């Protein structure tokens, strides 16, 4: 998985104030309204994907692409709401964004045991991640406050704070991808980038043993 959010050399104070006071009206409400219906459809596709992997060990390509584009849309919105990026997040599953990146290799083969493991034990095995992310979210809100002040007075988003937020989002996204059978391994307990993307892609392309 590759997830990144561009750290801009300069941030707009005007956009910061606009998002802070009116972002809920012109960003959150319209996007959440649209994403609500797309997420409902994603629930149906998730059900289909579950049984497809269970019986065929194949991930429907159309479903995978749909989920990935949905995650990208959510990332675009989160980047703006958390003041990590300027500009307005584009609507639509096929929209592009020069400030955010999310790439996930398509798995040619997924073991039939994976959906069963996640279905029966997913809540238990991901509890440690939930606890860690809960504490990290407290730090994330401090980062939002301090970075807001920094951008307002200097026009710069401190690089360390930006990196913290990106790592937090990356960790959270990786866990979600795992739940959607899109990440091949149990998620690591960090928000570092996948440094061995080639091996990950290769592991997802393994053919079933006959």
N, C-alpha and C. Protein backbone atom coordinates (compact mmCIF):
# COMPACT_ATOMS: atom_id res chain seq x y z
N UNK A 1 0.83 -1.19 0.00
CA UNK A 1 0.00 0.00 0.00
C UNK A 1 0.87 1.25 0.00
N UNK A 2 0.49 2.20 -0.80
CA UNK A 2 1.17 3.49 -0.79
C UNK A 2 0.15 4.58 -0.50
N UNK A 3 0.32 5.26 0.61
CA UNK A 3 -0.55 6.38 0.97
C UNK A 3 0.33 7.56 1.33
N UNK A 4 0.01 8.70 0.73
CA UNK A 4 0.78 9.89 1.03
C UNK A 4 -0.09 11.13 0.83
N UNK A 5 0.25 12.16 1.57
CA UNK A 5 -0.40 13.46 1.44
C UNK A 5 0.71 14.50 1.30
N UNK A 6 0.64 15.28 0.25
CA UNK A 6 1.70 16.24 -0.04
C UNK A 6 1.82 17.28 1.07
N UNK A 7 3.05 17.50 1.52
CA UNK A 7 3.30 18.58 2.47
C UNK A 7 3.64 19.83 1.67
N UNK A 8 2.71 20.77 1.62
CA UNK A 8 2.88 21.97 0.81
C UNK A 8 3.94 22.89 1.41
N UNK A 9 4.61 23.62 0.53
CA UNK A 9 5.61 24.58 1.01
C UNK A 9 4.94 25.77 1.70
N UNK A 10 3.74 26.09 1.25
CA UNK A 10 2.97 27.18 1.88
C UNK A 10 1.49 26.77 1.93
N UNK A 11 0.81 27.22 2.99
CA UNK A 11 -0.62 26.95 3.15
C UNK A 11 -1.36 28.28 3.20
N UNK A 12 -2.58 28.26 2.68
CA UNK A 12 -3.38 29.48 2.61
C UNK A 12 -4.08 29.74 3.95
N UNK A 13 -3.82 30.92 4.52
CA UNK A 13 -4.51 31.29 5.76
C UNK A 13 -6.00 31.49 5.50
N UNK A 14 -6.30 32.06 4.34
CA UNK A 14 -7.70 32.30 3.99
C UNK A 14 -8.49 31.01 3.91
N UNK A 15 -7.92 29.99 3.24
CA UNK A 15 -8.61 28.70 3.14
C UNK A 15 -8.73 28.05 4.51
N UNK A 16 -7.70 28.22 5.33
CA UNK A 16 -7.74 27.66 6.68
C UNK A 16 -8.93 28.22 7.47
N UNK A 17 -9.09 29.52 7.43
CA UNK A 17 -10.20 30.15 8.16
C UNK A 17 -11.54 29.76 7.55
N UNK A 18 -11.59 29.70 6.23
CA UNK A 18 -12.83 29.33 5.55
C UNK A 18 -13.25 27.92 5.93
N UNK A 19 -12.30 26.99 5.91
CA UNK A 19 -12.61 25.61 6.30
C UNK A 19 -13.02 25.53 7.76
N UNK A 20 -12.34 26.31 8.61
CA UNK A 20 -12.60 26.24 10.05
C UNK A 20 -14.01 26.70 10.40
N UNK A 21 -14.48 27.74 9.73
CA UNK A 21 -15.79 28.31 10.08
C UNK A 21 -16.93 27.78 9.22
N UNK A 22 -16.63 27.41 7.97
CA UNK A 22 -17.72 27.00 7.07
C UNK A 22 -17.47 25.64 6.42
N UNK A 23 -16.37 24.97 6.79
CA UNK A 23 -16.06 23.69 6.17
C UNK A 23 -17.13 22.64 6.37
N UNK A 24 -17.79 22.68 7.52
CA UNK A 24 -18.86 21.72 7.76
C UNK A 24 -19.99 21.86 6.76
N UNK A 25 -20.23 23.09 6.31
CA UNK A 25 -21.33 23.35 5.38
C UNK A 25 -20.97 23.01 3.94
N UNK A 26 -19.79 23.44 3.49
CA UNK A 26 -19.51 23.29 2.07
C UNK A 26 -18.57 22.12 1.75
N UNK A 27 -18.00 21.49 2.78
CA UNK A 27 -17.18 20.30 2.53
C UNK A 27 -17.80 19.05 3.14
N UNK A 28 -17.99 19.07 4.45
CA UNK A 28 -18.41 17.86 5.16
C UNK A 28 -19.81 17.41 4.74
N UNK A 29 -20.78 18.30 4.80
CA UNK A 29 -22.17 17.89 4.54
C UNK A 29 -22.35 17.34 3.13
N UNK A 30 -21.95 18.04 2.06
CA UNK A 30 -22.19 17.49 0.73
C UNK A 30 -21.42 16.20 0.47
N UNK A 31 -20.19 16.12 0.95
CA UNK A 31 -19.41 14.90 0.71
C UNK A 31 -19.94 13.73 1.52
N UNK A 32 -20.25 13.96 2.78
CA UNK A 32 -20.78 12.88 3.60
C UNK A 32 -22.12 12.39 3.05
N UNK A 33 -22.93 13.31 2.54
CA UNK A 33 -24.21 12.92 1.95
C UNK A 33 -23.99 11.97 0.79
N UNK A 34 -23.06 12.31 -0.11
CA UNK A 34 -22.78 11.45 -1.26
C UNK A 34 -22.12 10.14 -0.82
N UNK A 35 -21.14 10.25 0.07
CA UNK A 35 -20.42 9.06 0.51
C UNK A 35 -21.33 8.08 1.24
N UNK A 36 -22.37 8.59 1.87
CA UNK A 36 -23.30 7.71 2.57
C UNK A 36 -23.90 6.68 1.61
N UNK A 37 -24.35 7.14 0.45
CA UNK A 37 -24.99 6.23 -0.51
C UNK A 37 -23.96 5.32 -1.18
N UNK A 38 -22.78 5.86 -1.46
CA UNK A 38 -21.74 5.02 -2.04
C UNK A 38 -21.28 3.96 -1.04
N UNK A 39 -21.30 4.29 0.24
CA UNK A 39 -20.89 3.34 1.26
C UNK A 39 -21.94 2.24 1.43
N UNK A 40 -23.21 2.60 1.27
CA UNK A 40 -24.26 1.58 1.30
C UNK A 40 -24.06 0.55 0.20
N UNK A 41 -23.74 1.03 -0.99
CA UNK A 41 -23.48 0.12 -2.10
C UNK A 41 -22.23 -0.70 -1.82
N UNK A 42 -21.24 -0.09 -1.19
CA UNK A 42 -20.02 -0.80 -0.83
C UNK A 42 -20.34 -1.97 0.11
N UNK A 43 -21.33 -1.78 0.99
CA UNK A 43 -21.72 -2.86 1.88
C UNK A 43 -22.24 -4.06 1.13
N UNK A 44 -23.02 -3.81 0.07
CA UNK A 44 -23.54 -4.90 -0.76
C UNK A 44 -22.39 -5.59 -1.50
N UNK A 45 -21.48 -4.80 -2.05
CA UNK A 45 -20.33 -5.36 -2.76
C UNK A 45 -19.42 -6.15 -1.81
N UNK A 46 -19.33 -5.69 -0.57
CA UNK A 46 -18.52 -6.41 0.42
C UNK A 46 -19.09 -7.81 0.65
N UNK A 47 -20.40 -7.89 0.72
CA UNK A 47 -21.07 -9.18 0.91
C UNK A 47 -20.77 -10.11 -0.28
N UNK A 48 -20.83 -9.56 -1.49
CA UNK A 48 -20.53 -10.34 -2.69
C UNK A 48 -19.07 -10.77 -2.69
N UNK A 49 -18.18 -9.83 -2.32
CA UNK A 49 -16.75 -10.13 -2.30
C UNK A 49 -16.43 -11.24 -1.30
N UNK A 50 -17.07 -11.19 -0.16
CA UNK A 50 -16.85 -12.20 0.88
C UNK A 50 -17.06 -13.60 0.33
N UNK A 51 -18.19 -13.82 -0.33
CA UNK A 51 -18.51 -15.15 -0.83
C UNK A 51 -17.71 -15.50 -2.07
N UNK A 52 -17.36 -14.49 -2.85
CA UNK A 52 -16.53 -14.75 -4.02
C UNK A 52 -15.16 -15.29 -3.60
N UNK A 53 -14.55 -14.65 -2.59
CA UNK A 53 -13.26 -15.12 -2.10
C UNK A 53 -13.41 -16.49 -1.41
N UNK A 54 -14.48 -16.64 -0.68
CA UNK A 54 -14.70 -17.88 0.07
C UNK A 54 -14.79 -19.09 -0.86
N UNK A 55 -15.46 -18.93 -2.00
CA UNK A 55 -15.70 -20.07 -2.88
C UNK A 55 -14.76 -20.14 -4.08
N UNK A 56 -14.20 -19.01 -4.49
CA UNK A 56 -13.34 -19.02 -5.69
C UNK A 56 -11.91 -18.59 -5.41
N UNK A 57 -11.66 -18.01 -4.24
CA UNK A 57 -10.35 -17.46 -3.88
C UNK A 57 -9.89 -16.37 -4.85
N UNK A 58 -10.86 -15.71 -5.43
CA UNK A 58 -10.59 -14.60 -6.34
C UNK A 58 -11.32 -13.35 -5.84
N UNK A 59 -10.65 -12.22 -5.96
CA UNK A 59 -11.24 -10.94 -5.55
C UNK A 59 -11.83 -10.29 -6.80
N UNK A 60 -13.15 -10.08 -6.87
CA UNK A 60 -13.73 -9.44 -8.05
C UNK A 60 -13.05 -8.11 -8.34
N UNK A 61 -12.48 -7.98 -9.53
CA UNK A 61 -11.70 -6.79 -9.86
C UNK A 61 -12.55 -5.52 -9.78
N UNK A 62 -13.77 -5.59 -10.26
CA UNK A 62 -14.64 -4.41 -10.23
C UNK A 62 -14.92 -3.97 -8.80
N UNK A 63 -15.11 -4.91 -7.90
CA UNK A 63 -15.35 -4.58 -6.50
C UNK A 63 -14.11 -3.97 -5.86
N UNK A 64 -12.95 -4.55 -6.16
CA UNK A 64 -11.69 -4.02 -5.62
C UNK A 64 -11.49 -2.57 -6.06
N UNK A 65 -11.71 -2.31 -7.34
CA UNK A 65 -11.53 -0.95 -7.86
C UNK A 65 -12.52 0.01 -7.21
N UNK A 66 -13.74 -0.45 -7.00
CA UNK A 66 -14.75 0.40 -6.36
C UNK A 66 -14.32 0.78 -4.95
N UNK A 67 -13.89 -0.20 -4.17
CA UNK A 67 -13.47 0.07 -2.80
C UNK A 67 -12.27 1.02 -2.77
N UNK A 68 -11.32 0.80 -3.66
CA UNK A 68 -10.12 1.64 -3.69
C UNK A 68 -10.49 3.08 -4.02
N UNK A 69 -11.36 3.28 -5.00
CA UNK A 69 -11.76 4.65 -5.36
C UNK A 69 -12.54 5.30 -4.22
N UNK A 70 -13.32 4.50 -3.50
CA UNK A 70 -14.06 5.03 -2.35
C UNK A 70 -13.10 5.47 -1.25
N UNK A 71 -12.09 4.66 -0.98
CA UNK A 71 -11.07 5.04 0.02
C UNK A 71 -10.32 6.31 -0.41
N UNK A 72 -10.06 6.44 -1.69
CA UNK A 72 -9.38 7.64 -2.18
C UNK A 72 -10.24 8.88 -1.97
N UNK A 73 -11.52 8.74 -2.21
CA UNK A 73 -12.45 9.86 -2.00
C UNK A 73 -12.43 10.28 -0.53
N UNK A 74 -12.53 9.30 0.36
CA UNK A 74 -12.50 9.59 1.79
C UNK A 74 -11.19 10.26 2.19
N UNK A 75 -10.09 9.82 1.59
CA UNK A 75 -8.80 10.41 1.89
C UNK A 75 -8.75 11.87 1.46
N UNK A 76 -9.29 12.17 0.29
CA UNK A 76 -9.32 13.55 -0.20
C UNK A 76 -10.05 14.45 0.78
N UNK A 77 -11.18 13.98 1.27
CA UNK A 77 -11.98 14.78 2.20
C UNK A 77 -11.25 14.94 3.53
N UNK A 78 -10.72 13.84 4.06
CA UNK A 78 -10.03 13.91 5.35
C UNK A 78 -8.82 14.85 5.30
N UNK A 79 -8.11 14.84 4.18
CA UNK A 79 -6.94 15.71 4.05
C UNK A 79 -7.32 17.17 4.17
N UNK A 80 -8.51 17.53 3.65
CA UNK A 80 -8.94 18.93 3.73
C UNK A 80 -9.53 19.25 5.10
N UNK A 81 -10.33 18.36 5.62
CA UNK A 81 -10.96 18.61 6.92
C UNK A 81 -9.91 18.75 8.02
N UNK A 82 -8.83 17.98 7.90
CA UNK A 82 -7.76 18.04 8.90
C UNK A 82 -6.70 19.08 8.55
N UNK A 83 -6.98 19.88 7.53
CA UNK A 83 -6.09 20.99 7.11
C UNK A 83 -4.73 20.52 6.62
N UNK A 84 -4.64 19.27 6.16
CA UNK A 84 -3.39 18.76 5.62
C UNK A 84 -3.17 19.20 4.18
N UNK A 85 -4.24 19.61 3.51
CA UNK A 85 -4.14 20.04 2.12
C UNK A 85 -5.07 21.22 1.89
N UNK A 86 -4.65 22.11 1.03
CA UNK A 86 -5.52 23.19 0.57
C UNK A 86 -6.30 22.71 -0.65
N UNK A 87 -7.26 23.51 -1.06
CA UNK A 87 -8.07 23.16 -2.22
C UNK A 87 -9.33 22.43 -1.80
N UNK A 88 -10.25 22.30 -2.76
CA UNK A 88 -11.51 21.63 -2.47
C UNK A 88 -11.44 20.18 -2.95
N UNK A 89 -11.85 19.21 -2.13
CA UNK A 89 -11.81 17.80 -2.55
C UNK A 89 -12.82 17.52 -3.66
N UNK A 90 -12.35 16.86 -4.68
CA UNK A 90 -13.21 16.58 -5.83
C UNK A 90 -14.25 15.51 -5.50
N UNK A 91 -15.42 15.65 -6.09
CA UNK A 91 -16.48 14.66 -5.93
C UNK A 91 -16.28 13.52 -6.94
N UNK A 92 -16.78 12.36 -6.57
CA UNK A 92 -16.83 11.25 -7.52
C UNK A 92 -15.75 10.20 -7.31
N UNK A 93 -16.09 8.98 -7.70
CA UNK A 93 -15.16 7.87 -7.55
C UNK A 93 -14.00 7.96 -8.52
N UNK A 94 -14.20 8.61 -9.64
CA UNK A 94 -13.16 8.67 -10.66
C UNK A 94 -12.37 9.97 -10.62
N UNK A 95 -12.62 10.79 -9.63
CA UNK A 95 -11.92 12.07 -9.53
C UNK A 95 -10.45 11.85 -9.18
N UNK A 96 -9.63 12.78 -9.60
CA UNK A 96 -8.20 12.73 -9.29
C UNK A 96 -7.85 13.85 -8.32
N UNK A 97 -6.69 13.70 -7.70
CA UNK A 97 -6.26 14.69 -6.70
C UNK A 97 -4.74 14.74 -6.70
N UNK A 98 -4.17 15.93 -6.85
CA UNK A 98 -2.72 16.05 -6.87
C UNK A 98 -2.12 16.20 -5.48
N UNK A 99 -2.95 16.21 -4.45
CA UNK A 99 -2.45 16.38 -3.08
C UNK A 99 -2.41 15.06 -2.30
N UNK A 100 -3.18 14.09 -2.73
CA UNK A 100 -3.25 12.82 -2.00
C UNK A 100 -2.99 11.64 -2.94
N UNK A 101 -2.41 10.58 -2.37
CA UNK A 101 -2.12 9.37 -3.14
C UNK A 101 -2.50 8.14 -2.32
N UNK A 102 -3.21 7.23 -2.96
CA UNK A 102 -3.50 5.94 -2.35
C UNK A 102 -3.45 4.87 -3.44
N UNK A 103 -2.46 4.00 -3.34
CA UNK A 103 -2.30 2.92 -4.30
C UNK A 103 -2.26 1.59 -3.55
N UNK A 104 -3.02 0.63 -4.05
CA UNK A 104 -3.05 -0.70 -3.44
C UNK A 104 -2.97 -1.72 -4.57
N UNK A 105 -2.00 -2.64 -4.54
CA UNK A 105 -1.90 -3.65 -5.60
C UNK A 105 -3.09 -4.60 -5.57
N UNK A 106 -3.58 -4.94 -6.76
CA UNK A 106 -4.72 -5.85 -6.85
C UNK A 106 -4.28 -7.28 -6.57
N UNK A 107 -4.97 -8.00 -5.68
CA UNK A 107 -4.59 -9.38 -5.39
C UNK A 107 -5.22 -10.36 -6.39
N UNK A 108 -4.38 -11.09 -7.10
CA UNK A 108 -4.90 -12.10 -8.03
C UNK A 108 -5.50 -13.29 -7.27
N UNK A 109 -4.99 -13.52 -6.07
CA UNK A 109 -5.45 -14.65 -5.28
C UNK A 109 -5.56 -14.26 -3.81
N UNK A 110 -6.68 -14.63 -3.18
CA UNK A 110 -6.87 -14.40 -1.75
C UNK A 110 -7.35 -15.71 -1.14
N UNK A 111 -6.69 -16.17 -0.10
CA UNK A 111 -7.05 -17.43 0.52
C UNK A 111 -8.48 -17.39 1.05
N UNK A 112 -9.19 -18.50 0.89
CA UNK A 112 -10.58 -18.57 1.36
C UNK A 112 -10.66 -18.47 2.88
N UNK A 113 -9.55 -18.71 3.57
CA UNK A 113 -9.57 -18.62 5.04
C UNK A 113 -9.62 -17.17 5.53
N UNK A 114 -9.20 -16.25 4.68
CA UNK A 114 -9.11 -14.86 5.14
C UNK A 114 -10.47 -14.26 5.48
N UNK A 115 -11.50 -14.38 4.61
CA UNK A 115 -12.81 -13.83 5.00
C UNK A 115 -13.38 -14.48 6.24
N UNK A 116 -13.14 -15.78 6.41
CA UNK A 116 -13.64 -16.46 7.61
C UNK A 116 -12.93 -15.95 8.86
N UNK A 117 -11.61 -15.76 8.75
CA UNK A 117 -10.84 -15.26 9.88
C UNK A 117 -11.33 -13.88 10.29
N UNK A 118 -11.54 -13.00 9.31
CA UNK A 118 -11.98 -11.64 9.61
C UNK A 118 -13.41 -11.64 10.12
N UNK A 119 -14.24 -12.51 9.57
CA UNK A 119 -15.65 -12.55 9.98
C UNK A 119 -15.79 -13.01 11.43
N UNK A 120 -15.08 -14.07 11.80
CA UNK A 120 -15.24 -14.64 13.13
C UNK A 120 -14.34 -14.00 14.18
N UNK A 121 -13.14 -13.57 13.76
CA UNK A 121 -12.17 -13.08 14.75
C UNK A 121 -11.70 -11.65 14.48
N UNK A 122 -12.25 -11.02 13.44
CA UNK A 122 -11.78 -9.69 13.08
C UNK A 122 -11.87 -8.69 14.21
N UNK A 123 -13.00 -8.70 14.92
CA UNK A 123 -13.16 -7.76 16.02
C UNK A 123 -12.15 -7.97 17.11
N UNK A 124 -11.81 -9.23 17.37
CA UNK A 124 -10.87 -9.54 18.45
C UNK A 124 -9.44 -9.21 18.03
N UNK A 125 -9.04 -9.66 16.84
CA UNK A 125 -7.65 -9.49 16.45
C UNK A 125 -7.31 -8.03 16.15
N UNK A 126 -8.32 -7.20 15.91
CA UNK A 126 -8.06 -5.79 15.62
C UNK A 126 -8.24 -4.88 16.84
N UNK A 127 -8.63 -5.47 17.98
CA UNK A 127 -8.77 -4.67 19.20
C UNK A 127 -7.48 -3.94 19.55
N UNK A 128 -6.31 -4.60 19.47
CA UNK A 128 -5.06 -3.87 19.79
C UNK A 128 -4.86 -2.64 18.90
N UNK A 129 -5.21 -2.77 17.62
CA UNK A 129 -5.10 -1.61 16.73
C UNK A 129 -6.07 -0.50 17.15
N UNK A 130 -7.27 -0.90 17.51
CA UNK A 130 -8.25 0.09 17.94
C UNK A 130 -7.79 0.86 19.16
N UNK A 131 -7.17 0.15 20.11
CA UNK A 131 -6.67 0.81 21.32
C UNK A 131 -5.55 1.79 20.97
N UNK A 132 -4.61 1.33 20.14
CA UNK A 132 -3.49 2.20 19.74
C UNK A 132 -4.00 3.42 18.99
N UNK A 133 -4.90 3.21 18.05
CA UNK A 133 -5.41 4.33 17.26
C UNK A 133 -6.22 5.30 18.11
N UNK A 134 -6.87 4.79 19.15
CA UNK A 134 -7.63 5.66 20.04
C UNK A 134 -6.70 6.64 20.73
N UNK A 135 -5.57 6.15 21.24
CA UNK A 135 -4.62 7.03 21.90
C UNK A 135 -3.94 7.95 20.90
N UNK A 136 -3.64 7.43 19.72
CA UNK A 136 -3.02 8.26 18.69
C UNK A 136 -3.96 9.36 18.23
N UNK A 137 -5.27 9.09 18.26
CA UNK A 137 -6.23 10.11 17.84
C UNK A 137 -6.23 11.30 18.79
N UNK A 138 -5.92 11.05 20.07
CA UNK A 138 -5.80 12.17 21.02
C UNK A 138 -4.64 13.07 20.60
N UNK A 139 -3.52 12.44 20.28
CA UNK A 139 -2.39 13.21 19.79
C UNK A 139 -2.70 13.91 18.49
N UNK A 140 -3.50 13.25 17.64
CA UNK A 140 -3.85 13.84 16.35
C UNK A 140 -4.63 15.14 16.53
N UNK A 141 -5.52 15.18 17.50
CA UNK A 141 -6.29 16.40 17.71
C UNK A 141 -5.42 17.52 18.25
N UNK A 142 -4.43 17.18 19.05
CA UNK A 142 -3.47 18.20 19.47
C UNK A 142 -2.69 18.73 18.28
N UNK A 143 -2.33 17.81 17.36
CA UNK A 143 -1.63 18.23 16.15
C UNK A 143 -2.50 19.17 15.31
N UNK A 144 -3.78 18.87 15.23
CA UNK A 144 -4.70 19.72 14.47
C UNK A 144 -4.74 21.13 15.06
N UNK A 145 -4.81 21.20 16.38
CA UNK A 145 -4.88 22.52 17.04
C UNK A 145 -3.58 23.30 16.86
N UNK A 146 -2.47 22.65 17.16
CA UNK A 146 -1.18 23.35 17.08
C UNK A 146 -0.83 23.72 15.65
N UNK A 147 -1.13 22.82 14.70
CA UNK A 147 -0.82 23.12 13.30
C UNK A 147 -1.72 24.24 12.78
N UNK A 148 -2.96 24.30 13.28
CA UNK A 148 -3.89 25.37 12.88
C UNK A 148 -3.29 26.73 13.28
N UNK A 149 -2.77 26.81 14.49
CA UNK A 149 -2.16 28.06 14.96
C UNK A 149 -0.92 28.39 14.12
N UNK A 150 -0.13 27.34 13.82
CA UNK A 150 1.10 27.56 13.05
C UNK A 150 0.79 28.08 11.66
N UNK A 151 -0.20 27.48 10.99
CA UNK A 151 -0.55 27.92 9.64
C UNK A 151 -1.12 29.33 9.66
N UNK A 152 -1.94 29.62 10.67
CA UNK A 152 -2.57 30.93 10.75
C UNK A 152 -1.52 32.04 10.87
N UNK A 153 -0.48 31.80 11.65
CA UNK A 153 0.49 32.87 11.90
C UNK A 153 1.71 32.82 10.97
N UNK A 154 2.00 31.67 10.43
CA UNK A 154 3.22 31.57 9.61
C UNK A 154 2.95 31.13 8.17
N UNK A 155 1.79 30.51 7.92
CA UNK A 155 1.52 29.98 6.59
C UNK A 155 2.21 28.65 6.34
N UNK A 156 2.85 28.09 7.35
CA UNK A 156 3.57 26.82 7.23
C UNK A 156 2.95 25.78 8.16
N UNK A 157 2.87 24.55 7.65
CA UNK A 157 2.41 23.43 8.46
C UNK A 157 3.66 22.70 8.94
N UNK A 158 3.97 22.69 10.24
CA UNK A 158 5.19 22.03 10.72
C UNK A 158 5.32 20.61 10.17
N UNK A 159 6.48 20.32 9.60
CA UNK A 159 6.69 19.04 8.93
C UNK A 159 6.46 17.86 9.86
N UNK A 160 6.93 17.96 11.10
CA UNK A 160 6.76 16.86 12.04
C UNK A 160 5.29 16.57 12.35
N UNK A 161 4.50 17.62 12.48
CA UNK A 161 3.07 17.45 12.75
C UNK A 161 2.37 16.83 11.53
N UNK A 162 2.77 17.31 10.35
CA UNK A 162 2.18 16.78 9.12
C UNK A 162 2.49 15.30 8.99
N UNK A 163 3.72 14.93 9.29
CA UNK A 163 4.12 13.53 9.21
C UNK A 163 3.35 12.68 10.21
N UNK A 164 3.14 13.21 11.41
CA UNK A 164 2.36 12.48 12.42
C UNK A 164 0.96 12.19 11.90
N UNK A 165 0.32 13.19 11.32
CA UNK A 165 -1.04 13.03 10.83
C UNK A 165 -1.11 12.03 9.68
N UNK A 166 -0.15 12.10 8.78
CA UNK A 166 -0.14 11.18 7.64
C UNK A 166 0.07 9.75 8.12
N UNK A 167 0.96 9.57 9.09
CA UNK A 167 1.18 8.23 9.63
C UNK A 167 -0.07 7.70 10.34
N UNK A 168 -0.76 8.58 11.04
CA UNK A 168 -2.00 8.18 11.72
C UNK A 168 -3.05 7.73 10.69
N UNK A 169 -3.21 8.52 9.63
CA UNK A 169 -4.17 8.16 8.59
C UNK A 169 -3.76 6.88 7.88
N UNK A 170 -2.46 6.74 7.63
CA UNK A 170 -1.95 5.54 6.94
C UNK A 170 -2.24 4.28 7.77
N UNK A 171 -1.99 4.36 9.07
CA UNK A 171 -2.24 3.22 9.95
C UNK A 171 -3.72 2.86 9.93
N UNK A 172 -4.58 3.86 10.07
CA UNK A 172 -6.02 3.63 10.09
C UNK A 172 -6.50 3.05 8.76
N UNK A 173 -5.99 3.58 7.66
CA UNK A 173 -6.39 3.10 6.34
C UNK A 173 -5.94 1.67 6.11
N UNK A 174 -4.74 1.35 6.58
CA UNK A 174 -4.21 -0.01 6.41
C UNK A 174 -5.10 -1.03 7.14
N UNK A 175 -5.58 -0.67 8.32
CA UNK A 175 -6.48 -1.56 9.06
C UNK A 175 -7.78 -1.74 8.28
N UNK A 176 -8.32 -0.65 7.73
CA UNK A 176 -9.55 -0.75 6.94
C UNK A 176 -9.35 -1.61 5.70
N UNK A 177 -8.21 -1.46 5.05
CA UNK A 177 -7.92 -2.29 3.88
C UNK A 177 -7.86 -3.76 4.25
N UNK A 178 -7.31 -4.04 5.41
CA UNK A 178 -7.25 -5.43 5.87
C UNK A 178 -8.66 -6.00 6.05
N UNK A 179 -9.54 -5.20 6.62
CA UNK A 179 -10.92 -5.65 6.82
C UNK A 179 -11.64 -5.89 5.49
N UNK A 180 -11.21 -5.19 4.46
CA UNK A 180 -11.80 -5.35 3.13
C UNK A 180 -11.03 -6.38 2.29
N UNK A 181 -10.17 -7.15 2.92
CA UNK A 181 -9.37 -8.20 2.27
C UNK A 181 -8.42 -7.63 1.22
N UNK A 182 -8.09 -6.36 1.34
CA UNK A 182 -7.27 -5.70 0.33
C UNK A 182 -5.81 -5.59 0.75
N UNK A 183 -5.52 -5.91 2.00
CA UNK A 183 -4.14 -5.87 2.50
C UNK A 183 -3.75 -7.28 2.88
N UNK A 184 -2.61 -7.78 2.39
CA UNK A 184 -2.30 -9.21 2.50
C UNK A 184 -1.89 -9.69 3.88
N UNK A 185 -1.33 -8.79 4.70
CA UNK A 185 -0.80 -9.20 6.00
C UNK A 185 -1.62 -8.60 7.13
N UNK A 186 -1.41 -9.16 8.33
CA UNK A 186 -1.95 -8.50 9.52
C UNK A 186 -1.26 -7.14 9.63
N UNK A 187 -2.01 -6.05 9.77
CA UNK A 187 -1.40 -4.71 9.72
C UNK A 187 -0.35 -4.51 10.80
N UNK A 188 0.77 -3.90 10.44
CA UNK A 188 1.80 -3.60 11.45
C UNK A 188 1.33 -2.51 12.39
N UNK A 189 1.94 -2.45 13.56
CA UNK A 189 1.55 -1.45 14.56
C UNK A 189 2.37 -0.17 14.38
N UNK A 190 2.22 0.42 13.22
CA UNK A 190 2.86 1.69 12.95
C UNK A 190 2.22 2.31 11.71
N UNK A 191 2.56 3.56 11.46
CA UNK A 191 2.04 4.25 10.29
C UNK A 191 3.10 4.47 9.24
N UNK A 192 4.17 3.65 9.30
CA UNK A 192 5.24 3.80 8.32
C UNK A 192 4.78 3.34 6.94
N UNK A 193 5.38 3.87 5.91
CA UNK A 193 5.06 3.39 4.56
C UNK A 193 5.49 1.95 4.39
N UNK A 194 4.85 1.24 3.49
CA UNK A 194 5.29 -0.11 3.15
C UNK A 194 6.59 0.04 2.36
N UNK A 195 7.68 -0.42 2.93
CA UNK A 195 8.99 -0.25 2.28
C UNK A 195 9.28 -1.35 1.29
N UNK A 196 8.51 -2.43 1.35
CA UNK A 196 8.78 -3.56 0.46
C UNK A 196 7.55 -3.82 -0.38
N UNK A 197 7.12 -2.79 -1.11
CA UNK A 197 5.88 -2.88 -1.88
C UNK A 197 5.95 -4.00 -2.91
N UNK A 198 7.14 -4.24 -3.46
CA UNK A 198 7.25 -5.29 -4.46
C UNK A 198 6.94 -6.66 -3.89
N UNK A 199 7.46 -6.93 -2.69
CA UNK A 199 7.19 -8.20 -2.05
C UNK A 199 5.72 -8.35 -1.68
N UNK A 200 5.11 -7.22 -1.25
CA UNK A 200 3.69 -7.26 -0.92
C UNK A 200 2.87 -7.60 -2.15
N UNK A 201 3.18 -6.93 -3.26
CA UNK A 201 2.45 -7.20 -4.50
C UNK A 201 2.64 -8.65 -4.92
N UNK A 202 3.87 -9.15 -4.77
CA UNK A 202 4.13 -10.53 -5.16
C UNK A 202 3.36 -11.51 -4.30
N UNK A 203 3.29 -11.20 -3.00
CA UNK A 203 2.59 -12.10 -2.09
C UNK A 203 1.10 -12.15 -2.39
N UNK A 204 0.58 -11.08 -2.93
CA UNK A 204 -0.85 -11.04 -3.24
C UNK A 204 -1.14 -11.74 -4.56
N UNK A 205 -0.11 -12.01 -5.35
CA UNK A 205 -0.31 -12.65 -6.64
C UNK A 205 -0.04 -14.15 -6.61
N UNK A 206 0.19 -14.69 -5.43
CA UNK A 206 0.45 -16.11 -5.33
C UNK A 206 -0.75 -16.90 -5.78
N UNK A 207 -0.51 -17.91 -6.54
CA UNK A 207 -1.59 -18.79 -6.99
C UNK A 207 -1.87 -19.83 -5.93
N UNK A 208 -3.12 -20.31 -5.83
CA UNK A 208 -3.41 -21.33 -4.83
C UNK A 208 -2.65 -22.62 -5.11
N UNK A 209 -2.26 -23.28 -4.06
CA UNK A 209 -1.56 -24.55 -4.22
C UNK A 209 -2.57 -25.64 -4.53
N UNK A 210 -2.30 -26.38 -5.58
CA UNK A 210 -3.24 -27.43 -5.96
C UNK A 210 -2.97 -28.71 -5.19
